[in-house]
């Protein structure tokens, strides 16, 4: 009787662990993600306008529209301690930089005068600047990891949203800089500032001149 109970107990435990093991078998989607996390080494990327979203610059798919953005994906870039891993300048096309591994660079990604650029599910390790935006808008940084950076995300005169990012041992996680001052925003602002500034400088110069002239000793005449 005791032997029968022991056998039944062992059988139940075996069935329990079999079910538990089956529960934690990686699914197809998990295996697909693991495969996508295998990076391929790539040289630094420089894109100066919309025409340079090419396969040579790391684009793997897309046509630059909102519904089908250019995709730059799967690259491992670095080390470039004195330069930038991915430069994107003066673009309006929709694009996504995702699942890239950027390490030991002066700047991981720099977007200058860029519209509609996203950074997704990427890793930035030991860069001086992780991702930097300058005068860019409609951009996002989503689900990325920044570790060991001086500044992880730098936003300068830019409209950028950043969500679900992970920050580990960075000196500064997100640095936001002020927008343009009035004299930088329009010719009218510049004109107003000059109209005020130049006369003010002239008045100060005249006051200094007459003050020194008044107190300067007379010259000896022979």
Protein backbone atom coordinates (compact mmCIF):
# COMPACT_ATOMS: atom_id res chain seq x y z
CA UNK A 1 0.00 0.00 0.00
CA UNK A 2 2.83 2.38 0.89
CA UNK A 3 4.64 1.51 -2.34
CA UNK A 4 1.47 2.24 -4.34
CA UNK A 5 1.08 5.67 -2.73
CA UNK A 6 4.74 6.47 -3.40
CA UNK A 7 4.38 5.51 -7.05
CA UNK A 8 1.29 7.67 -7.37
CA UNK A 9 3.13 10.62 -5.77
CA UNK A 10 6.12 10.25 -8.08
CA UNK A 11 3.79 10.05 -11.11
CA UNK A 12 1.96 13.22 -10.09
CA UNK A 13 5.22 15.10 -9.52
CA UNK A 14 6.56 14.00 -12.90
CA UNK A 15 3.38 15.18 -14.61
CA UNK A 16 3.55 18.52 -12.79
CA UNK A 17 7.15 19.20 -13.85
CA UNK A 18 6.39 18.13 -17.42
CA UNK A 19 3.57 20.69 -17.61
CA UNK A 20 5.79 23.34 -16.01
CA UNK A 21 8.60 22.67 -18.50
CA UNK A 22 6.23 22.90 -21.43
CA UNK A 23 4.98 26.25 -20.18
CA UNK A 24 8.48 27.78 -20.35
CA UNK A 25 9.52 26.39 -23.74
CA UNK A 26 10.42 29.45 -25.88
CA UNK A 27 7.68 30.36 -28.30
CA UNK A 28 8.22 31.05 -31.98
CA UNK A 29 7.99 34.81 -31.40
CA UNK A 30 10.66 34.65 -28.68
CA UNK A 31 13.01 32.70 -30.98
CA UNK A 32 12.40 35.26 -33.72
CA UNK A 33 13.32 38.07 -31.33
CA UNK A 34 16.49 36.26 -30.25
CA UNK A 35 17.48 35.89 -33.90
CA UNK A 36 16.84 39.60 -34.57
CA UNK A 37 19.16 40.49 -31.68
CA UNK A 38 22.16 39.13 -33.60
CA UNK A 39 23.93 42.24 -34.84
CA UNK A 40 26.08 42.57 -37.93
CA UNK A 41 29.09 44.88 -37.86
CA UNK A 42 28.73 48.03 -39.93
CA UNK A 43 30.83 51.11 -40.66
CA UNK A 44 29.71 54.54 -39.47
CA UNK A 45 26.64 55.80 -41.34
CA UNK A 46 26.30 59.32 -42.78
CA UNK A 47 22.99 60.45 -44.33
CA UNK A 48 22.91 64.08 -45.52
CA UNK A 49 19.45 64.20 -47.13
CA UNK A 50 16.52 62.00 -48.15
CA UNK A 51 18.32 60.68 -51.23
CA UNK A 52 20.94 58.98 -49.06
CA UNK A 53 18.62 56.47 -47.40
CA UNK A 54 20.26 53.58 -49.25
CA UNK A 55 21.35 50.03 -48.54
CA UNK A 56 24.95 51.24 -48.37
CA UNK A 57 23.87 53.42 -45.46
CA UNK A 58 22.25 50.55 -43.59
CA UNK A 59 18.68 50.75 -44.91
CA UNK A 60 17.18 47.26 -45.07
CA UNK A 61 13.60 48.10 -46.16
CA UNK A 62 10.98 50.82 -46.61
CA UNK A 63 10.32 53.70 -48.96
CA UNK A 64 10.29 56.66 -46.55
CA UNK A 65 6.53 57.14 -46.20
CA UNK A 66 4.64 57.21 -42.91
CA UNK A 67 3.13 53.79 -43.60
CA UNK A 68 6.38 52.30 -44.88
CA UNK A 69 9.31 54.15 -43.28
CA UNK A 70 12.93 53.45 -44.10
CA UNK A 71 14.28 50.83 -41.67
CA UNK A 72 17.88 50.85 -40.47
CA UNK A 73 18.19 47.71 -38.39
CA UNK A 74 20.41 45.00 -36.99
CA UNK A 75 23.79 46.78 -37.03
CA UNK A 76 26.63 46.81 -34.53
CA UNK A 77 28.62 50.05 -34.86
CA UNK A 78 31.75 51.06 -32.94
CA UNK A 79 34.17 51.81 -31.50
CA UNK A 80 34.56 55.35 -32.88
CA UNK A 81 35.80 57.33 -29.84
CA UNK A 82 36.30 60.55 -31.85
CA UNK A 83 33.31 60.45 -34.19
CA UNK A 84 29.63 59.62 -34.60
CA UNK A 85 28.23 56.18 -35.34
CA UNK A 86 25.08 57.31 -37.22
CA UNK A 87 24.73 60.83 -38.66
CA UNK A 88 21.38 61.93 -40.12
CA UNK A 89 21.04 65.52 -41.44
CA UNK A 90 18.39 67.55 -43.25
CA UNK A 91 15.75 64.86 -43.81
CA UNK A 92 11.95 64.84 -44.01
CA UNK A 93 11.40 61.18 -44.86
CA UNK A 94 9.98 58.84 -42.23
CA UNK A 95 12.57 56.42 -40.90
CA UNK A 96 13.25 54.07 -37.99
CA UNK A 97 16.61 53.16 -36.50
CA UNK A 98 15.92 50.03 -34.51
CA UNK A 99 17.66 47.08 -32.93
CA UNK A 100 21.14 48.56 -33.33
CA UNK A 101 24.04 48.19 -30.91
CA UNK A 102 26.24 51.29 -30.71
CA UNK A 103 29.23 51.35 -28.39
CA UNK A 104 32.30 53.42 -27.47
CA UNK A 105 31.56 56.36 -29.77
CA UNK A 106 31.76 60.08 -29.29
CA UNK A 107 28.09 60.25 -30.35
CA UNK A 108 25.89 57.23 -30.93
CA UNK A 109 23.26 58.86 -33.16
CA UNK A 110 23.13 62.52 -34.20
CA UNK A 111 19.99 63.91 -35.84
CA UNK A 112 20.40 67.47 -37.11
CA UNK A 113 17.43 69.23 -38.76
CA UNK A 114 15.59 65.92 -38.96
CA UNK A 115 11.84 65.33 -39.10
CA UNK A 116 10.06 62.00 -38.53
CA UNK A 117 13.00 59.98 -37.21
CA UNK A 118 12.56 57.29 -34.55
CA UNK A 119 15.06 55.31 -32.49
CA UNK A 120 13.59 52.03 -31.21
CA UNK A 121 14.69 49.02 -29.14
CA UNK A 122 18.40 49.76 -29.44
CA UNK A 123 21.37 49.66 -27.09
CA UNK A 124 23.88 52.44 -26.52
CA UNK A 125 26.84 51.44 -24.39
CA UNK A 126 29.77 53.62 -23.20
CA UNK A 127 29.22 56.55 -25.58
CA UNK A 128 29.92 60.16 -24.66
CA UNK A 129 26.51 61.08 -26.11
CA UNK A 130 23.98 58.33 -26.69
CA UNK A 131 21.45 60.01 -28.99
CA UNK A 132 21.58 63.75 -29.76
CA UNK A 133 18.91 65.86 -31.50
CA UNK A 134 19.48 69.38 -32.82
CA UNK A 135 16.67 71.45 -34.34
CA UNK A 136 14.64 68.32 -35.04
CA UNK A 137 10.95 67.53 -34.52
CA UNK A 138 8.38 64.74 -34.73
CA UNK A 139 11.06 62.37 -33.45
CA UNK A 140 10.95 59.64 -30.80
CA UNK A 141 13.26 57.49 -28.70
CA UNK A 142 11.44 54.37 -27.53
CA UNK A 143 12.36 51.23 -25.61
CA UNK A 144 16.13 51.70 -25.81
CA UNK A 145 18.89 51.14 -23.26
CA UNK A 146 21.58 53.69 -22.43
CA UNK A 147 24.47 52.64 -20.23
CA UNK A 148 27.68 54.38 -19.22
CA UNK A 149 27.09 57.61 -21.17
CA UNK A 150 28.11 61.14 -20.22
CA UNK A 151 24.70 62.19 -21.58
CA UNK A 152 22.26 59.51 -22.69
CA UNK A 153 19.77 61.67 -24.63
CA UNK A 154 20.47 65.28 -25.62
CA UNK A 155 17.60 67.47 -26.83
CA UNK A 156 18.69 70.81 -28.25
CA UNK A 157 16.03 73.08 -29.81
CA UNK A 158 14.07 69.92 -30.60
CA UNK A 159 10.60 68.43 -30.18
CA UNK A 160 11.28 64.80 -29.23
CA UNK A 161 9.30 62.34 -27.11
CA UNK A 162 11.09 59.60 -25.22
CA UNK A 163 9.33 56.71 -23.48
CA UNK A 164 10.09 53.29 -21.97
CA UNK A 165 13.85 53.79 -22.10
CA UNK A 166 16.28 52.26 -19.59
CA UNK A 167 19.09 54.34 -18.09
CA UNK A 168 22.03 52.67 -16.33
CA UNK A 169 24.99 54.52 -14.78
CA UNK A 170 24.84 57.61 -17.00
CA UNK A 171 26.09 60.97 -15.74
CA UNK A 172 22.99 62.64 -17.22
CA UNK A 173 20.02 60.69 -18.53
CA UNK A 174 18.18 63.43 -20.46
CA UNK A 175 19.59 66.92 -21.12
CA UNK A 176 17.16 69.51 -22.47
CA UNK A 177 18.41 72.80 -23.85
CA UNK A 178 16.37 75.98 -24.35
CA UNK A 179 14.75 76.86 -27.62
CA UNK A 180 15.91 79.72 -29.80
CA UNK A 181 15.91 83.19 -28.32
CA UNK A 182 13.81 85.85 -30.13
CA UNK A 183 16.72 87.09 -32.24
CA UNK A 184 17.26 83.54 -33.51
CA UNK A 185 13.64 82.93 -34.47
CA UNK A 186 13.04 85.55 -37.18
CA UNK A 187 14.50 88.46 -39.13
CA UNK A 188 12.06 90.73 -37.33
CA UNK A 189 13.40 89.63 -33.95
CA UNK A 190 16.96 90.15 -35.13
CA UNK A 191 16.12 93.63 -36.42
CA UNK A 192 14.47 94.66 -33.16
CA UNK A 193 17.44 93.44 -31.15
CA UNK A 194 19.91 95.27 -33.37
CA UNK A 195 17.89 98.50 -33.21
CA UNK A 196 18.09 98.34 -29.42
CA UNK A 197 21.59 96.93 -29.09
CA UNK A 198 23.57 99.17 -31.48
CA UNK A 199 22.38 102.53 -30.07
CA UNK A 200 22.96 101.25 -26.55
CA UNK A 201 26.53 100.31 -27.37
CA UNK A 202 27.06 103.70 -29.03
CA UNK A 203 25.79 105.59 -25.96
CA UNK A 204 28.00 103.59 -23.62
CA UNK A 205 31.02 104.22 -25.85
CA UNK A 206 30.32 107.98 -25.91
CA UNK A 207 29.96 108.14 -22.12
CA UNK A 208 33.27 106.33 -21.66
CA UNK A 209 34.97 108.63 -24.19
CA UNK A 210 33.78 111.90 -22.60
CA UNK A 211 34.51 110.64 -19.10
CA UNK A 212 38.13 109.91 -19.96
CA UNK A 213 38.44 113.13 -21.96
CA UNK A 214 37.14 115.17 -19.00
CA UNK A 215 39.58 113.75 -16.53
CA UNK A 216 42.58 113.49 -18.81
CA UNK A 217 45.42 115.91 -17.84
CA UNK A 218 46.08 118.87 -20.19
CA UNK A 219 49.00 118.59 -22.53
CA UNK A 220 52.01 120.89 -22.02
CA UNK A 221 52.37 123.40 -24.81
CA UNK A 222 55.78 124.91 -25.56
